[in-house]
Amino acid sequence: MTRKLLFLALLAILAPATLSAQSAQMFSLQLSGLGMYPFGGEMDNVDVGGGWEAQLRMNPSAFSIGAGAEQTFHQRLTGQDIVLLGGFLEPRYVVDIGSDNAALYVSGRAAVSKITIKSGTIEATGTGYTLNGGGGFLFRLTDRVNLDAGATLGFKNLGDVTIGSTPVDLGTGANVVVRVGLAIGLGG
């Protein structure tokens, strides 16, 4: 699998300039609103949470890599507040669909997240990770701005939290993330 990804990345970098890039500029800043639904493990009975993400992308060709931060806010049906805050890396590959104004992309995402659970005056934190895959569409709005609409599905390890002096394993599950935002080209 690693060899295939490396080959795909090399092919994307060496591909002819006619392939659609993520933006016309080498770097872009992306700001998005998120909707995330976690399920499985101790995240059953948790609502769809809203949130945000910000990422900086390097766009050398049809292949790009982004790094950023994301945060979502949730509630459990039992009244607990849950906040997920993390950092991520996101490789993408744009698929040329023959349009100058729209492009399809496939993506992956690896994230490390801090989970904070609050119930009244009690607060517990832990660290987990997420591995997602998905894709989306880019729509050119101007020479420097693209609208990005995408979704991913993946595996989520929620980690352990300590409630009082008792460690609790939150288990593993999955998540669905939907994102809509703007990618703004930086520089010349």
Protein backbone atom coordinates (compact mmCIF):
# COMPACT_ATOMS: atom_id res chain seq x y z
CA MET A 1 0.00 0.00 0.00
CA THR A 2 2.85 2.41 0.87
CA ARG A 3 4.51 1.75 -2.50
CA LYS A 4 1.26 2.47 -4.33
CA LEU A 5 0.82 5.77 -2.45
CA LEU A 6 4.42 6.79 -3.15
CA PHE A 7 4.02 5.90 -6.83
CA LEU A 8 0.77 7.87 -7.03
CA ALA A 9 2.39 10.89 -5.35
CA LEU A 10 5.39 10.75 -7.73
CA LEU A 11 3.09 10.42 -10.73
CA ALA A 12 1.05 13.42 -9.58
CA ILE A 13 4.15 15.59 -9.14
CA LEU A 14 5.52 14.63 -12.55
CA ALA A 15 2.14 14.82 -14.34
CA PRO A 16 1.71 17.36 -17.12
CA ALA A 17 0.59 20.87 -16.17
CA THR A 18 -2.77 20.29 -17.89
CA LEU A 19 -4.02 18.45 -14.82
CA SER A 20 -6.13 20.58 -12.48
CA ALA A 21 -4.32 21.79 -9.38
CA GLN A 22 -5.90 22.49 -6.01
CA SER A 23 -5.40 26.21 -6.63
CA ALA A 24 -3.49 28.32 -9.13
CA GLN A 25 -1.06 29.25 -6.34
CA MET A 26 1.52 26.94 -4.74
CA PHE A 27 0.04 27.52 -1.26
CA SER A 28 -3.51 28.00 -0.07
CA LEU A 29 -5.32 28.60 3.20
CA GLN A 30 -8.57 26.77 3.72
CA LEU A 31 -11.24 27.71 6.28
CA SER A 32 -14.27 25.42 6.62
CA GLY A 33 -17.33 24.72 8.68
CA LEU A 34 -17.69 21.08 9.80
CA GLY A 35 -20.44 18.72 10.78
CA MET A 36 -19.19 15.54 12.48
CA TYR A 37 -21.13 12.50 13.64
CA PRO A 38 -19.14 10.09 15.84
CA PHE A 39 -20.53 6.65 16.60
CA GLY A 40 -19.41 3.44 18.24
CA GLY A 41 -17.42 2.94 21.43
CA GLU A 42 -18.50 5.42 24.08
CA MET A 43 -19.67 7.87 21.39
CA ASP A 44 -23.06 6.24 20.89
CA ASN A 45 -25.88 8.62 21.83
CA VAL A 46 -23.77 11.64 20.83
CA ASP A 47 -25.28 14.25 18.51
CA VAL A 48 -23.94 15.60 15.24
CA GLY A 49 -21.51 18.31 16.28
CA GLY A 50 -20.71 21.51 14.46
CA GLY A 51 -17.27 23.00 14.31
CA TRP A 52 -14.48 24.45 12.19
CA GLU A 53 -11.18 23.62 10.56
CA ALA A 54 -8.28 25.65 9.21
CA GLN A 55 -5.52 24.23 7.06
CA LEU A 56 -2.55 25.32 5.01
CA ARG A 57 -2.10 23.37 1.75
CA MET A 58 0.88 22.97 -0.56
CA ASN A 59 -0.38 22.47 -4.14
CA PRO A 60 2.48 21.48 -6.48
CA SER A 61 0.21 19.62 -8.94
CA ALA A 62 -2.89 17.45 -8.87
CA PHE A 63 -1.44 16.04 -5.63
CA SER A 64 -1.46 18.32 -2.58
CA ILE A 65 -0.82 17.99 1.13
CA GLY A 66 -2.56 19.95 3.87
CA ALA A 67 -1.89 20.35 7.59
CA GLY A 68 -4.23 22.00 10.01
CA ALA A 69 -6.43 22.04 13.09
CA GLU A 70 -10.08 21.08 13.61
CA GLN A 71 -12.57 21.35 16.46
CA THR A 72 -16.14 20.06 16.92
CA PHE A 73 -18.65 20.47 19.76
CA HIS A 74 -21.09 17.71 20.75
CA GLN A 75 -23.60 16.72 23.41
CA ARG A 76 -24.43 13.28 24.70
CA LEU A 77 -28.11 12.53 25.32
CA THR A 78 -27.25 12.25 29.04
CA GLY A 79 -26.30 15.95 29.06
CA GLN A 80 -22.51 15.74 28.86
CA ASP A 81 -20.67 18.26 26.70
CA ILE A 82 -17.95 16.80 24.45
CA VAL A 83 -15.29 18.78 22.60
CA LEU A 84 -12.87 17.24 20.08
CA LEU A 85 -9.82 19.37 19.19
CA GLY A 86 -6.99 18.07 17.03
CA GLY A 87 -4.40 18.44 14.34
CA PHE A 88 -4.30 16.59 11.04
CA LEU A 89 -2.47 15.85 7.80
CA GLU A 90 -4.54 15.50 4.64
CA PRO A 91 -3.17 14.33 1.27
CA ARG A 92 -5.44 14.93 -1.76
CA TYR A 93 -5.43 14.00 -5.40
CA VAL A 94 -7.52 15.95 -7.94
CA VAL A 95 -9.22 13.94 -10.67
CA ASP A 96 -9.50 15.87 -13.94
CA ILE A 97 -13.18 15.88 -14.97
CA GLY A 98 -12.66 18.13 -17.99
CA SER A 99 -13.90 21.35 -16.43
CA ASP A 100 -12.05 24.63 -15.88
CA ASN A 101 -14.41 25.55 -13.04
CA ALA A 102 -14.88 22.32 -11.07
CA ALA A 103 -12.74 19.39 -9.96
CA LEU A 104 -13.31 16.14 -8.09
CA TYR A 105 -10.79 15.02 -5.46
CA VAL A 106 -10.08 11.99 -3.30
CA SER A 107 -8.49 12.47 0.10
CA GLY A 108 -7.25 10.80 3.24
CA ARG A 109 -6.85 12.25 6.70
CA ALA A 110 -4.86 11.25 9.76
CA ALA A 111 -5.67 13.21 12.92
CA VAL A 112 -4.72 13.23 16.60
CA SER A 113 -7.47 14.63 18.81
CA LYS A 114 -7.87 15.71 22.41
CA ILE A 115 -11.31 14.77 23.73
CA THR A 116 -12.77 16.74 26.62
CA ILE A 117 -15.90 15.48 28.38
CA LYS A 118 -17.70 17.81 30.81
CA SER A 119 -20.52 16.78 33.09
CA GLY A 120 -21.45 19.47 35.61
CA THR A 121 -18.23 20.38 37.43
CA ILE A 122 -16.40 17.18 36.40
CA GLU A 123 -14.09 17.36 33.39
CA ALA A 124 -12.09 14.52 31.84
CA THR A 125 -9.64 14.62 28.92
CA GLY A 126 -7.95 12.04 26.74
CA THR A 127 -6.16 11.67 23.42
CA GLY A 128 -7.23 9.58 20.43
CA TYR A 129 -6.67 9.35 16.70
CA THR A 130 -8.70 9.19 13.51
CA LEU A 131 -8.00 7.71 10.05
CA ASN A 132 -10.48 8.83 7.39
CA GLY A 133 -10.90 8.60 3.64
CA GLY A 134 -13.25 10.39 1.30
CA GLY A 135 -13.40 13.13 -1.25
CA GLY A 136 -15.24 16.13 -2.53
CA PHE A 137 -15.56 18.85 -5.13
CA LEU A 138 -13.72 22.11 -5.71
CA PHE A 139 -15.60 24.90 -7.48
CA ARG A 140 -13.60 27.87 -8.80
CA LEU A 141 -15.15 31.16 -7.61
CA THR A 142 -12.28 33.49 -8.64
CA ASP A 143 -8.63 33.09 -9.71
CA ARG A 144 -7.70 32.86 -6.00
CA VAL A 145 -10.76 31.36 -4.28
CA ASN A 146 -12.31 27.90 -4.53
CA LEU A 147 -15.38 26.57 -2.76
CA ASP A 148 -14.61 23.16 -1.24
CA ALA A 149 -17.39 20.70 -0.35
CA GLY A 150 -16.33 17.27 0.88
CA ALA A 151 -17.01 14.35 3.18
CA THR A 152 -15.01 11.58 4.83
CA LEU A 153 -15.77 8.37 6.68
CA GLY A 154 -13.33 6.67 8.98
CA PHE A 155 -12.07 4.89 12.06
CA LYS A 156 -11.82 6.68 15.40
CA ASN A 157 -9.91 5.51 18.47
CA LEU A 158 -11.17 7.68 21.31
CA GLY A 159 -8.40 6.89 23.80
CA ASP A 160 -8.65 6.85 27.59
CA VAL A 161 -9.91 9.50 29.99
CA THR A 162 -9.58 9.70 33.75
CA ILE A 163 -12.79 10.50 35.61
CA GLY A 164 -11.89 11.32 39.20
CA SER A 165 -9.14 8.74 39.72
CA THR A 166 -10.71 6.07 37.49
CA PRO A 167 -9.32 5.52 33.98
CA VAL A 168 -12.03 4.83 31.39
CA ASP A 169 -11.33 3.38 27.93
CA LEU A 170 -13.64 5.21 25.50
CA GLY A 171 -13.17 2.47 22.90
CA THR A 172 -13.14 2.62 19.15
CA GLY A 173 -15.77 3.62 16.65
CA ALA A 174 -16.20 5.58 13.48
CA ASN A 175 -17.13 9.04 12.28
CA VAL A 176 -18.63 10.84 9.32
CA VAL A 177 -17.39 14.37 8.62
CA VAL A 178 -18.98 16.82 6.17
CA ARG A 179 -17.09 20.02 5.28
CA VAL A 180 -17.87 23.19 3.32
CA GLY A 181 -15.38 26.02 3.09
CA LEU A 182 -13.20 28.35 1.07
CA ALA A 183 -9.68 27.67 -0.19
CA ILE A 184 -7.82 30.94 -0.71
CA GLY A 185 -4.67 30.96 -2.89
CA LEU A 186 -1.64 32.66 -1.31
CA GLY A 187 1.25 34.37 -3.07
CA GLY A 188 1.89 34.68 -6.82
